[in-house]
Amino acid sequence: MGLPWTLTRLLGSARAAELMLLSETIDAECAERFGLVSHVFDDPDFVDEVAALTSRLAGFAPLALQAMKMNLLDSQHLPLARYLDSEITRYVDNSHTDDSREAAHAFLERRPPQIAGR
C-alpha cells in the first residue's frame, strides 16, 4: 500500500512504472544505483560496517540529528517559505541546547565534544 506513490517520488515516474508494471526484481547493487539504499556491503563485512555506521551516528548530538531528520522530512512536502521558517526555528532552538554550547567550546578547545543529549 503506497508503493507506487513512494517509488514515483524516489525514482521518478518512468523507473517506478518499470518496476511496478514489469514486476522486476532488483538486487542490492541495483537498489543502491537507483538510490533506494545508501550502502551495500558484502556479507562478511555487513555486521562490522553496520556497527561502524551506527557507532558514528551514536556519536552525534541526538537533538541535532532529530532536527536534521525533521528538516529532511519537511523538505519533501512543505513549500520553500514554510520550510525555511521551520528550519530556522529548529536551528535557533538547537543553538540554545547544552550540546550546542558544548560543541562550540570543544571546537574552540580543539577537543571532541562530550554530548549529553540535552
PDB file of N, CA and C in Angstrom:
ATOM      1  N   MET A   1       0.843  -1.163   0.000  1.00  0.00           N
ATOM      2  CA  MET A   1       0.000   0.000   0.000  1.00  0.00           C
ATOM      3  C   MET A   1       0.898   1.239   0.000  1.00  0.00           C
ATOM      4  N   GLY A   2       0.749   2.044  -1.013  1.00  0.00           N
ATOM      5  CA  GLY A   2       1.528   3.265  -1.123  1.00  0.00           C
ATOM      6  C   GLY A   2       2.835   3.118  -1.884  1.00  0.00           C
ATOM      7  N   LEU A   3       3.158   1.916  -2.332  1.00  0.00           N
ATOM      8  CA  LEU A   3       4.430   1.716  -3.021  1.00  0.00           C
ATOM      9  C   LEU A   3       4.544   2.546  -4.300  1.00  0.00           C
ATOM     10  N   PRO A   4       3.516   2.597  -5.169  1.00  0.00           N
ATOM     11  CA  PRO A   4       3.655   3.436  -6.363  1.00  0.00           C
ATOM     12  C   PRO A   4       3.892   4.910  -6.022  1.00  0.00           C
ATOM     13  N   TRP A   5       3.217   5.418  -5.007  1.00  0.00           N
ATOM     14  CA  TRP A   5       3.391   6.814  -4.572  1.00  0.00           C
ATOM     15  C   TRP A   5       4.833   7.041  -4.135  1.00  0.00           C
ATOM     16  N   THR A   6       5.348   6.119  -3.302  1.00  0.00           N
ATOM     17  CA  THR A   6       6.700   6.244  -2.774  1.00  0.00           C
ATOM     18  C   THR A   6       7.745   6.088  -3.876  1.00  0.00           C
ATOM     19  N   LEU A   7       7.611   5.051  -4.682  1.00  0.00           N
ATOM     20  CA  LEU A   7       8.594   4.820  -5.752  1.00  0.00           C
ATOM     21  C   LEU A   7       8.628   5.967  -6.752  1.00  0.00           C
ATOM     22  N   THR A   8       7.466   6.525  -7.081  1.00  0.00           N
ATOM     23  CA  THR A   8       7.437   7.636  -8.026  1.00  0.00           C
ATOM     24  C   THR A   8       8.234   8.815  -7.493  1.00  0.00           C
ATOM     25  N   ARG A   9       8.123   9.081  -6.196  1.00  0.00           N
ATOM     26  CA  ARG A   9       8.857  10.194  -5.603  1.00  0.00           C
ATOM     27  C   ARG A   9      10.346   9.890  -5.478  1.00  0.00           C
ATOM     28  N   LEU A  10      10.684   8.639  -5.246  1.00  0.00           N
ATOM     29  CA  LEU A  10      12.090   8.269  -5.095  1.00  0.00           C
ATOM     30  C   LEU A  10      12.809   8.111  -6.426  1.00  0.00           C
ATOM     31  N   LEU A  11      12.121   7.540  -7.401  1.00  0.00           N
ATOM     32  CA  LEU A  11      12.782   7.146  -8.646  1.00  0.00           C
ATOM     33  C   LEU A  11      12.335   7.893  -9.882  1.00  0.00           C
ATOM     34  N   GLY A  12      11.243   8.622  -9.804  1.00  0.00           N
ATOM     35  CA  GLY A  12      10.655   9.226 -10.987  1.00  0.00           C
ATOM     36  C   GLY A  12       9.603   8.299 -11.567  1.00  0.00           C
ATOM     37  N   SER A  13       8.730   8.842 -12.379  1.00  0.00           N
ATOM     38  CA  SER A  13       7.592   8.060 -12.859  1.00  0.00           C
ATOM     39  C   SER A  13       7.980   6.923 -13.801  1.00  0.00           C
ATOM     40  N   ALA A  14       8.963   7.133 -14.669  1.00  0.00           N
ATOM     41  CA  ALA A  14       9.332   6.090 -15.631  1.00  0.00           C
ATOM     42  C   ALA A  14       9.934   4.868 -14.934  1.00  0.00           C
ATOM     43  N   ARG A  15      10.876   5.095 -14.027  1.00  0.00           N
ATOM     44  CA  ARG A  15      11.519   3.983 -13.324  1.00  0.00           C
ATOM     45  C   ARG A  15      10.517   3.280 -12.407  1.00  0.00           C
ATOM     46  N   ALA A  16       9.669   4.050 -11.735  1.00  0.00           N
ATOM     47  CA  ALA A  16       8.653   3.454 -10.861  1.00  0.00           C
ATOM     48  C   ALA A  16       7.693   2.582 -11.675  1.00  0.00           C
ATOM     49  N   ALA A  17       7.266   3.097 -12.827  1.00  0.00           N
ATOM     50  CA  ALA A  17       6.363   2.315 -13.683  1.00  0.00           C
ATOM     51  C   ALA A  17       7.042   1.041 -14.156  1.00  0.00           C
ATOM     52  N   GLU A  18       8.293   1.130 -14.534  1.00  0.00           N
ATOM     53  CA  GLU A  18       9.040  -0.056 -14.967  1.00  0.00           C
ATOM     54  C   GLU A  18       9.063  -1.123 -13.875  1.00  0.00           C
ATOM     55  N   LEU A  19       9.393  -0.710 -12.666  1.00  0.00           N
ATOM     56  CA  LEU A  19       9.466  -1.683 -11.572  1.00  0.00           C
ATOM     57  C   LEU A  19       8.097  -2.252 -11.221  1.00  0.00           C
ATOM     58  N   MET A  20       7.080  -1.399 -11.176  1.00  0.00           N
ATOM     59  CA  MET A  20       5.754  -1.852 -10.774  1.00  0.00           C
ATOM     60  C   MET A  20       5.071  -2.691 -11.857  1.00  0.00           C
ATOM     61  N   LEU A  21       5.094  -2.216 -13.094  1.00  0.00           N
ATOM     62  CA  LEU A  21       4.351  -2.890 -14.151  1.00  0.00           C
ATOM     63  C   LEU A  21       5.028  -4.159 -14.638  1.00  0.00           C
ATOM     64  N   LEU A  22       6.344  -4.197 -14.603  1.00  0.00           N
ATOM     65  CA  LEU A  22       7.057  -5.388 -15.074  1.00  0.00           C
ATOM     66  C   LEU A  22       7.401  -6.342 -13.939  1.00  0.00           C
ATOM     67  N   SER A  23       7.054  -5.958 -12.711  1.00  0.00           N
ATOM     68  CA  SER A  23       7.340  -6.783 -11.529  1.00  0.00           C
ATOM     69  C   SER A  23       8.804  -7.199 -11.494  1.00  0.00           C
ATOM     70  N   GLU A  24       9.662  -6.242 -11.783  1.00  0.00           N
ATOM     71  CA  GLU A  24      11.097  -6.503 -11.798  1.00  0.00           C
ATOM     72  C   GLU A  24      11.610  -6.746 -10.386  1.00  0.00           C
ATOM     73  N   THR A  25      12.461  -7.740 -10.248  1.00  0.00           N
ATOM     74  CA  THR A  25      13.178  -7.963  -9.005  1.00  0.00           C
ATOM     75  C   THR A  25      14.545  -7.315  -9.171  1.00  0.00           C
ATOM     76  N   ILE A  26      14.962  -6.563  -8.174  1.00  0.00           N
ATOM     77  CA  ILE A  26      16.257  -5.910  -8.271  1.00  0.00           C
ATOM     78  C   ILE A  26      17.162  -6.417  -7.151  1.00  0.00           C
ATOM     79  N   ASP A  27      18.452  -6.445  -7.433  1.00  0.00           N
ATOM     80  CA  ASP A  27      19.412  -6.876  -6.413  1.00  0.00           C
ATOM     81  C   ASP A  27      19.898  -5.654  -5.629  1.00  0.00           C
ATOM     82  N   ALA A  28      20.739  -5.889  -4.650  1.00  0.00           N
ATOM     83  CA  ALA A  28      21.214  -4.823  -3.763  1.00  0.00           C
ATOM     84  C   ALA A  28      21.976  -3.745  -4.538  1.00  0.00           C
ATOM     85  N   GLU A  29      22.803  -4.145  -5.480  1.00  0.00           N
ATOM     86  CA  GLU A  29      23.575  -3.170  -6.252  1.00  0.00           C
ATOM     87  C   GLU A  29      22.657  -2.271  -7.077  1.00  0.00           C
ATOM     88  N   CYS A  30      21.614  -2.847  -7.640  1.00  0.00           N
ATOM     89  CA  CYS A  30      20.649  -2.067  -8.411  1.00  0.00           C
ATOM     90  C   CYS A  30      19.898  -1.113  -7.483  1.00  0.00           C
ATOM     91  N   ALA A  31      19.504  -1.582  -6.304  1.00  0.00           N
ATOM     92  CA  ALA A  31      18.822  -0.721  -5.330  1.00  0.00           C
ATOM     93  C   ALA A  31      19.712   0.447  -4.944  1.00  0.00           C
ATOM     94  N   GLU A  32      21.003   0.208  -4.810  1.00  0.00           N
ATOM     95  CA  GLU A  32      21.941   1.288  -4.492  1.00  0.00           C
ATOM     96  C   GLU A  32      22.055   2.263  -5.669  1.00  0.00           C
ATOM     97  N   ARG A  33      22.137   1.738  -6.870  1.00  0.00           N
ATOM     98  CA  ARG A  33      22.248   2.576  -8.067  1.00  0.00           C
ATOM     99  C   ARG A  33      21.003   3.456  -8.228  1.00  0.00           C
ATOM    100  N   PHE A  34      19.833   2.912  -7.903  1.00  0.00           N
ATOM    101  CA  PHE A  34      18.576   3.661  -8.004  1.00  0.00           C
ATOM    102  C   PHE A  34      18.398   4.645  -6.851  1.00  0.00           C
ATOM    103  N   GLY A  35      19.211   4.531  -5.817  1.00  0.00           N
ATOM    104  CA  GLY A  35      19.076   5.408  -4.661  1.00  0.00           C
ATOM    105  C   GLY A  35      18.070   4.922  -3.635  1.00  0.00           C
ATOM    106  N   LEU A  36      17.682   3.649  -3.711  1.00  0.00           N
ATOM    107  CA  LEU A  36      16.738   3.091  -2.739  1.00  0.00           C
ATOM    108  C   LEU A  36      17.424   2.736  -1.430  1.00  0.00           C
ATOM    109  N   VAL A  37      18.714   2.470  -1.489  1.00  0.00           N
ATOM    110  CA  VAL A  37      19.526   2.225  -0.294  1.00  0.00           C
ATOM    111  C   VAL A  37      20.793   3.063  -0.419  1.00  0.00           C
ATOM    112  N   SER A  38      21.376   3.406   0.713  1.00  0.00           N
ATOM    113  CA  SER A  38      22.558   4.268   0.654  1.00  0.00           C
ATOM    114  C   SER A  38      23.866   3.494   0.646  1.00  0.00           C
ATOM    115  N   HIS A  39      23.854   2.273   1.139  1.00  0.00           N
ATOM    116  CA  HIS A  39      25.073   1.458   1.175  1.00  0.00           C
ATOM    117  C   HIS A  39      24.732  -0.005   0.911  1.00  0.00           C
ATOM    118  N   VAL A  40      25.649  -0.676   0.277  1.00  0.00           N
ATOM    119  CA  VAL A  40      25.564  -2.127   0.098  1.00  0.00           C
ATOM    120  C   VAL A  40      26.890  -2.695   0.575  1.00  0.00           C
ATOM    121  N   PHE A  41      26.827  -3.706   1.426  1.00  0.00           N
ATOM    122  CA  PHE A  41      28.028  -4.313   1.977  1.00  0.00           C
ATOM    123  C   PHE A  41      28.070  -5.793   1.623  1.00  0.00           C
ATOM    124  N   ASP A  42      29.267  -6.304   1.435  1.00  0.00           N
ATOM    125  CA  ASP A  42      29.431  -7.740   1.238  1.00  0.00           C
ATOM    126  C   ASP A  42      29.054  -8.451   2.526  1.00  0.00           C
ATOM    127  N   ASP A  43      28.544  -9.669   2.413  1.00  0.00           N
ATOM    128  CA  ASP A  43      28.099 -10.424   3.588  1.00  0.00           C
ATOM    129  C   ASP A  43      29.137 -10.488   4.707  1.00  0.00           C
ATOM    130  N   PRO A  44      30.408 -10.802   4.419  1.00  0.00           N
ATOM    131  CA  PRO A  44      31.368 -10.911   5.524  1.00  0.00           C
ATOM    132  C   PRO A  44      31.611  -9.581   6.250  1.00  0.00           C
ATOM    133  N   ASP A  45      31.383  -8.464   5.566  1.00  0.00           N
ATOM    134  CA  ASP A  45      31.641  -7.152   6.146  1.00  0.00           C
ATOM    135  C   ASP A  45      30.402  -6.501   6.753  1.00  0.00           C
ATOM    136  N   PHE A  46      29.244  -7.092   6.514  1.00  0.00           N
ATOM    137  CA  PHE A  46      27.992  -6.439   6.850  1.00  0.00           C
ATOM    138  C   PHE A  46      27.894  -6.006   8.320  1.00  0.00           C
ATOM    139  N   VAL A  47      28.106  -6.926   9.237  1.00  0.00           N
ATOM    140  CA  VAL A  47      27.942  -6.616  10.658  1.00  0.00           C
ATOM    141  C   VAL A  47      28.918  -5.519  11.093  1.00  0.00           C
ATOM    142  N   ASP A  48      30.171  -5.625  10.668  1.00  0.00           N
ATOM    143  CA  ASP A  48      31.158  -4.611  11.044  1.00  0.00           C
ATOM    144  C   ASP A  48      30.840  -3.247  10.441  1.00  0.00           C
ATOM    145  N   GLU A  49      30.398  -3.228   9.190  1.00  0.00           N
ATOM    146  CA  GLU A  49      30.079  -1.963   8.532  1.00  0.00           C
ATOM    147  C   GLU A  49      28.863  -1.290   9.175  1.00  0.00           C
ATOM    148  N   VAL A  50      27.841  -2.081   9.484  1.00  0.00           N
ATOM    149  CA  VAL A  50      26.655  -1.521  10.141  1.00  0.00           C
ATOM    150  C   VAL A  50      27.024  -1.022  11.537  1.00  0.00           C
ATOM    151  N   ALA A  51      27.845  -1.757  12.253  1.00  0.00           N
ATOM    152  CA  ALA A  51      28.287  -1.321  13.583  1.00  0.00           C
ATOM    153  C   ALA A  51      29.053  -0.005  13.492  1.00  0.00           C
ATOM    154  N   ALA A  52      29.893   0.142  12.478  1.00  0.00           N
ATOM    155  CA  ALA A  52      30.652   1.384  12.310  1.00  0.00           C
ATOM    156  C   ALA A  52      29.725   2.561  12.018  1.00  0.00           C
ATOM    157  N   LEU A  53      28.733   2.350  11.159  1.00  0.00           N
ATOM    158  CA  LEU A  53      27.791   3.426  10.851  1.00  0.00           C
ATOM    159  C   LEU A  53      26.948   3.803  12.071  1.00  0.00           C
ATOM    160  N   THR A  54      26.455   2.818  12.786  1.00  0.00           N
ATOM    161  CA  THR A  54      25.618   3.128  13.951  1.00  0.00           C
ATOM    162  C   THR A  54      26.446   3.772  15.055  1.00  0.00           C
ATOM    163  N   SER A  55      27.682   3.352  15.197  1.00  0.00           N
ATOM    164  CA  SER A  55      28.560   3.972  16.181  1.00  0.00           C
ATOM    165  C   SER A  55      28.811   5.437  15.826  1.00  0.00           C
ATOM    166  N   ARG A  56      29.011   5.700  14.556  1.00  0.00           N
ATOM    167  CA  ARG A  56      29.225   7.078  14.108  1.00  0.00           C
ATOM    168  C   ARG A  56      27.995   7.935  14.397  1.00  0.00           C
ATOM    169  N   LEU A  57      26.819   7.405  14.057  1.00  0.00           N
ATOM    170  CA  LEU A  57      25.583   8.149  14.332  1.00  0.00           C
ATOM    171  C   LEU A  57      25.386   8.375  15.829  1.00  0.00           C
ATOM    172  N   ALA A  58      25.700   7.387  16.630  1.00  0.00           N
ATOM    173  CA  ALA A  58      25.522   7.496  18.080  1.00  0.00           C
ATOM    174  C   ALA A  58      26.425   8.570  18.680  1.00  0.00           C
ATOM    175  N   GLY A  59      27.485   8.931  17.987  1.00  0.00           N
ATOM    176  CA  GLY A  59      28.403   9.948  18.486  1.00  0.00           C
ATOM    177  C   GLY A  59      27.942  11.379  18.226  1.00  0.00           C
ATOM    178  N   PHE A  60      26.898  11.541  17.424  1.00  0.00           N
ATOM    179  CA  PHE A  60      26.386  12.875  17.123  1.00  0.00           C
ATOM    180  C   PHE A  60      25.362  13.306  18.161  1.00  0.00           C
ATOM    181  N   ALA A  61      25.138  14.590  18.254  1.00  0.00           N
ATOM    182  CA  ALA A  61      24.150  15.128  19.194  1.00  0.00           C
ATOM    183  C   ALA A  61      22.742  14.689  18.761  1.00  0.00           C
ATOM    184  N   PRO A  62      22.029  13.977  19.630  1.00  0.00           N
ATOM    185  CA  PRO A  62      20.720  13.451  19.234  1.00  0.00           C
ATOM    186  C   PRO A  62      19.688  14.525  18.898  1.00  0.00           C
ATOM    187  N   LEU A  63      19.722  15.651  19.596  1.00  0.00           N
ATOM    188  CA  LEU A  63      18.754  16.715  19.284  1.00  0.00           C
ATOM    189  C   LEU A  63      19.031  17.320  17.916  1.00  0.00           C
ATOM    190  N   ALA A  64      20.293  17.460  17.565  1.00  0.00           N
ATOM    191  CA  ALA A  64      20.645  17.977  16.245  1.00  0.00           C
ATOM    192  C   ALA A  64      20.248  16.981  15.151  1.00  0.00           C
ATOM    193  N   LEU A  65      20.487  15.698  15.392  1.00  0.00           N
ATOM    194  CA  LEU A  65      20.075  14.684  14.411  1.00  0.00           C
ATOM    195  C   LEU A  65      18.568  14.677  14.239  1.00  0.00           C
ATOM    196  N   GLN A  66      17.845  14.803  15.342  1.00  0.00           N
ATOM    197  CA  GLN A  66      16.390  14.838  15.283  1.00  0.00           C
ATOM    198  C   GLN A  66      15.925  16.025  14.437  1.00  0.00           C
ATOM    199  N   ALA A  67      16.526  17.178  14.659  1.00  0.00           N
ATOM    200  CA  ALA A  67      16.154  18.366  13.894  1.00  0.00           C
ATOM    201  C   ALA A  67      16.482  18.177  12.410  1.00  0.00           C
ATOM    202  N   MET A  68      17.638  17.593  12.103  1.00  0.00           N
ATOM    203  CA  MET A  68      18.003  17.356  10.706  1.00  0.00           C
ATOM    204  C   MET A  68      17.019  16.403  10.042  1.00  0.00           C
ATOM    205  N   LYS A  69      16.608  15.364  10.781  1.00  0.00           N
ATOM    206  CA  LYS A  69      15.643  14.414  10.223  1.00  0.00           C
ATOM    207  C   LYS A  69      14.307  15.111   9.963  1.00  0.00           C
ATOM    208  N   MET A  70      13.873  15.955  10.879  1.00  0.00           N
ATOM    209  CA  MET A  70      12.631  16.704  10.677  1.00  0.00           C
ATOM    210  C   MET A  70      12.768  17.633   9.467  1.00  0.00           C
ATOM    211  N   ASN A  71      13.930  18.269   9.316  1.00  0.00           N
ATOM    212  CA  ASN A  71      14.153  19.132   8.151  1.00  0.00           C
ATOM    213  C   ASN A  71      14.063  18.330   6.856  1.00  0.00           C
ATOM    214  N   LEU A  72      14.673  17.161   6.848  1.00  0.00           N
ATOM    215  CA  LEU A  72      14.624  16.328   5.643  1.00  0.00           C
ATOM    216  C   LEU A  72      13.195  15.918   5.322  1.00  0.00           C
ATOM    217  N   LEU A  73      12.433  15.537   6.330  1.00  0.00           N
ATOM    218  CA  LEU A  73      11.032  15.156   6.106  1.00  0.00           C
ATOM    219  C   LEU A  73      10.219  16.356   5.628  1.00  0.00           C
ATOM    220  N   ASP A  74      10.396  17.507   6.266  1.00  0.00           N
ATOM    221  CA  ASP A  74       9.662  18.706   5.863  1.00  0.00           C
ATOM    222  C   ASP A  74      10.005  19.136   4.442  1.00  0.00           C
ATOM    223  N   SER A  75      11.259  18.934   4.033  1.00  0.00           N
ATOM    224  CA  SER A  75      11.685  19.361   2.694  1.00  0.00           C
ATOM    225  C   SER A  75      10.936  18.628   1.592  1.00  0.00           C
ATOM    226  N   GLN A  76      10.340  17.508   1.935  1.00  0.00           N
ATOM    227  CA  GLN A  76       9.627  16.716   0.935  1.00  0.00           C
ATOM    228  C   GLN A  76       8.218  17.224   0.655  1.00  0.00           C
ATOM    229  N   HIS A  77       7.661  18.021   1.575  1.00  0.00           N
ATOM    230  CA  HIS A  77       6.262  18.377   1.363  1.00  0.00           C
ATOM    231  C   HIS A  77       5.911  19.842   1.637  1.00  0.00           C
ATOM    232  N   LEU A  78       6.780  20.587   2.275  1.00  0.00           N
ATOM    233  CA  LEU A  78       6.459  21.981   2.566  1.00  0.00           C
ATOM    234  C   LEU A  78       6.910  22.889   1.429  1.00  0.00           C
ATOM    235  N   PRO A  79       6.147  23.945   1.163  1.00  0.00           N
ATOM    236  CA  PRO A  79       6.646  24.973   0.238  1.00  0.00           C
ATOM    237  C   PRO A  79       7.905  25.596   0.843  1.00  0.00           C
ATOM    238  N   LEU A  80       8.763  26.130  -0.001  1.00  0.00           N
ATOM    239  CA  LEU A  80      10.067  26.619   0.447  1.00  0.00           C
ATOM    240  C   LEU A  80       9.958  27.622   1.589  1.00  0.00           C
ATOM    241  N   ALA A  81       9.078  28.589   1.502  1.00  0.00           N
ATOM    242  CA  ALA A  81       8.987  29.614   2.553  1.00  0.00           C
ATOM    243  C   ALA A  81       8.621  28.993   3.899  1.00  0.00           C
ATOM    244  N   ARG A  82       7.666  28.082   3.913  1.00  0.00           N
ATOM    245  CA  ARG A  82       7.294  27.431   5.175  1.00  0.00           C
ATOM    246  C   ARG A  82       8.411  26.529   5.672  1.00  0.00           C
ATOM    247  N   TYR A  83       9.076  25.851   4.727  1.00  0.00           N
ATOM    248  CA  TYR A  83      10.201  25.008   5.122  1.00  0.00           C
ATOM    249  C   TYR A  83      11.288  25.842   5.804  1.00  0.00           C
ATOM    250  N   LEU A  84      11.645  26.978   5.194  1.00  0.00           N
ATOM    251  CA  LEU A  84      12.703  27.820   5.749  1.00  0.00           C
ATOM    252  C   LEU A  84      12.332  28.328   7.138  1.00  0.00           C
ATOM    253  N   ASP A  85      11.058  28.644   7.347  1.00  0.00           N
ATOM    254  CA  ASP A  85      10.611  29.058   8.688  1.00  0.00           C
ATOM    255  C   ASP A  85      10.837  27.928   9.697  1.00  0.00           C
ATOM    256  N   SER A  86      10.470  26.715   9.325  1.00  0.00           N
ATOM    257  CA  SER A  86      10.648  25.561  10.223  1.00  0.00           C
ATOM    258  C   SER A  86      12.117  25.288  10.480  1.00  0.00           C
ATOM    259  N   GLU A  87      12.917  25.367   9.427  1.00  0.00           N
ATOM    260  CA  GLU A  87      14.340  25.080   9.564  1.00  0.00           C
ATOM    261  C   GLU A  87      15.014  26.090  10.507  1.00  0.00           C
ATOM    262  N   ILE A  88      14.725  27.367  10.332  1.00  0.00           N
ATOM    263  CA  ILE A  88      15.379  28.367  11.172  1.00  0.00           C
ATOM    264  C   ILE A  88      14.919  28.242  12.617  1.00  0.00           C
ATOM    265  N   THR A  89      13.671  27.889  12.828  1.00  0.00           N
ATOM    266  CA  THR A  89      13.182  27.675  14.195  1.00  0.00           C
ATOM    267  C   THR A  89      13.944  26.538  14.849  1.00  0.00           C
ATOM    268  N   ARG A  90      14.121  25.447  14.125  1.00  0.00           N
ATOM    269  CA  ARG A  90      14.880  24.310  14.677  1.00  0.00           C
ATOM    270  C   ARG A  90      16.338  24.690  14.917  1.00  0.00           C
ATOM    271  N   TYR A  91      16.904  25.450  14.003  1.00  0.00           N
ATOM    272  CA  TYR A  91      18.296  25.874  14.160  1.00  0.00           C
ATOM    273  C   TYR A  91      18.458  26.710  15.426  1.00  0.00           C
ATOM    274  N   VAL A  92      17.597  27.680  15.598  1.00  0.00           N
ATOM    275  CA  VAL A  92      17.669  28.549  16.777  1.00  0.00           C
ATOM    276  C   VAL A  92      17.448  27.732  18.041  1.00  0.00           C
ATOM    277  N   ASP A  93      16.429  26.868  18.034  1.00  0.00           N
ATOM    278  CA  ASP A  93      16.166  26.032  19.209  1.00  0.00           C
ATOM    279  C   ASP A  93      17.382  25.185  19.563  1.00  0.00           C
ATOM    280  N   ASN A  94      18.007  24.585  18.552  1.00  0.00           N
ATOM    281  CA  ASN A  94      19.173  23.731  18.805  1.00  0.00           C
ATOM    282  C   ASN A  94      20.388  24.526  19.243  1.00  0.00           C
ATOM    283  N   SER A  95      20.485  25.762  18.821  1.00  0.00           N
ATOM    284  CA  SER A  95      21.651  26.557  19.209  1.00  0.00           C
ATOM    285  C   SER A  95      21.627  26.927  20.686  1.00  0.00           C
ATOM    286  N   HIS A  96      20.481  26.727  21.344  1.00  0.00           N
ATOM    287  CA  HIS A  96      20.360  27.020  22.767  1.00  0.00           C
ATOM    288  C   HIS A  96      20.467  25.771  23.648  1.00  0.00           C
ATOM    289  N   THR A  97      20.832  24.640  23.076  1.00  0.00           N
ATOM    290  CA  THR A  97      20.939  23.412  23.871  1.00  0.00           C
ATOM    291  C   THR A  97      22.307  23.324  24.545  1.00  0.00           C
ATOM    292  N   ASP A  98      22.355  22.517  25.586  1.00  0.00           N
ATOM    293  CA  ASP A  98      23.633  22.263  26.255  1.00  0.00           C
ATOM    294  C   ASP A  98      24.638  21.651  25.279  1.00  0.00           C
ATOM    295  N   ASP A  99      24.154  20.740  24.422  1.00  0.00           N
ATOM    296  CA  ASP A  99      25.052  20.089  23.466  1.00  0.00           C
ATOM    297  C   ASP A  99      25.656  21.093  22.485  1.00  0.00           C
ATOM    298  N   SER A 100      24.875  22.060  22.066  1.00  0.00           N
ATOM    299  CA  SER A 100      25.391  23.070  21.138  1.00  0.00           C
ATOM    300  C   SER A 100      26.488  23.900  21.804  1.00  0.00           C
ATOM    301  N   ARG A 101      26.237  24.299  23.036  1.00  0.00           N
ATOM    302  CA  ARG A 101      27.263  25.073  23.755  1.00  0.00           C
ATOM    303  C   ARG A 101      28.519  24.225  23.950  1.00  0.00           C
ATOM    304  N   GLU A 102      28.333  22.957  24.307  1.00  0.00           N
ATOM    305  CA  GLU A 102      29.480  22.061  24.497  1.00  0.00           C
ATOM    306  C   GLU A 102      30.247  21.881  23.196  1.00  0.00           C
ATOM    307  N   ALA A 103      29.541  21.741  22.088  1.00  0.00           N
ATOM    308  CA  ALA A 103      30.204  21.573  20.788  1.00  0.00           C
ATOM    309  C   ALA A 103      31.035  22.804  20.447  1.00  0.00           C
ATOM    310  N   ALA A 104      30.500  23.987  20.701  1.00  0.00           N
ATOM    311  CA  ALA A 104      31.251  25.219  20.425  1.00  0.00           C
ATOM    312  C   ALA A 104      32.504  25.305  21.294  1.00  0.00           C
ATOM    313  N   HIS A 105      32.363  24.988  22.586  1.00  0.00           N
ATOM    314  CA  HIS A 105      33.528  25.013  23.482  1.00  0.00           C
ATOM    315  C   HIS A 105      34.571  23.985  23.046  1.00  0.00           C
ATOM    316  N   ALA A 106      34.098  22.795  22.708  1.00  0.00           N
ATOM    317  CA  ALA A 106      35.016  21.734  22.288  1.00  0.00           C
ATOM    318  C   ALA A 106      35.764  22.138  21.022  1.00  0.00           C
ATOM    319  N   PHE A 107      35.060  22.774  20.087  1.00  0.00           N
ATOM    320  CA  PHE A 107      35.697  23.230  18.858  1.00  0.00           C
ATOM    321  C   PHE A 107      36.805  24.235  19.177  1.00  0.00           C
ATOM    322  N   LEU A 108      36.494  25.203  20.002  1.00  0.00           N
ATOM    323  CA  LEU A 108      37.484  26.227  20.351  1.00  0.00           C
ATOM    324  C   LEU A 108      38.660  25.649  21.130  1.00  0.00           C
ATOM    325  N   GLU A 109      38.390  24.616  21.921  1.00  0.00           N
ATOM    326  CA  GLU A 109      39.439  23.977  22.718  1.00  0.00           C
ATOM    327  C   GLU A 109      40.106  22.821  21.977  1.00  0.00           C
ATOM    328  N   ARG A 110      39.693  22.596  20.731  1.00  0.00           N
ATOM    329  CA  ARG A 110      40.270  21.548  19.876  1.00  0.00           C
ATOM    330  C   ARG A 110      40.231  20.174  20.540  1.00  0.00           C
ATOM    331  N   ARG A 111      39.023  19.820  21.022  1.00  0.00           N
ATOM    332  CA  ARG A 111      38.815  18.518  21.655  1.00  0.00           C
ATOM    333  C   ARG A 111      37.469  17.965  21.205  1.00  0.00           C
ATOM    334  N   PRO A 112      37.278  16.662  21.330  1.00  0.00           N
ATOM    335  CA  PRO A 112      35.962  16.098  20.977  1.00  0.00           C
ATOM    336  C   PRO A 112      34.898  16.571  21.980  1.00  0.00           C
ATOM    337  N   PRO A 113      33.688  16.846  21.503  1.00  0.00           N
ATOM    338  CA  PRO A 113      32.638  17.272  22.418  1.00  0.00           C
ATOM    339  C   PRO A 113      32.126  16.096  23.268  1.00  0.00           C
ATOM    340  N   GLN A 114      31.666  16.410  24.446  1.00  0.00           N
ATOM    341  CA  GLN A 114      31.033  15.435  25.326  1.00  0.00           C
ATOM    342  C   GLN A 114      29.523  15.663  25.227  1.00  0.00           C
ATOM    343  N   ILE A 115      28.871  14.911  24.363  1.00  0.00           N
ATOM    344  CA  ILE A 115      27.459  15.100  24.065  1.00  0.00           C
ATOM    345  C   ILE A 115      26.609  14.410  25.127  1.00  0.00           C
ATOM    346  N   ALA A 116      25.612  15.145  25.653  1.00  0.00           N
ATOM    347  CA  ALA A 116      24.758  14.623  26.716  1.00  0.00           C
ATOM    348  C   ALA A 116      23.312  14.419  26.284  1.00  0.00           C
ATOM    349  N   GLY A 117      22.952  14.912  25.108  1.00  0.00           N
ATOM    350  CA  GLY A 117      21.583  14.736  24.638  1.00  0.00           C
ATOM    351  C   GLY A 117      20.591  15.731  25.230  1.00  0.00           C
ATOM    352  N   ARG A 118      21.106  16.904  25.616  1.00  0.00           N
ATOM    353  CA  ARG A 118      20.194  17.938  26.131  1.00  0.00           C
ATOM    354  C   ARG A 118      20.658  19.311  25.696  1.00  0.00           C
TER     355      ARG A 118
END
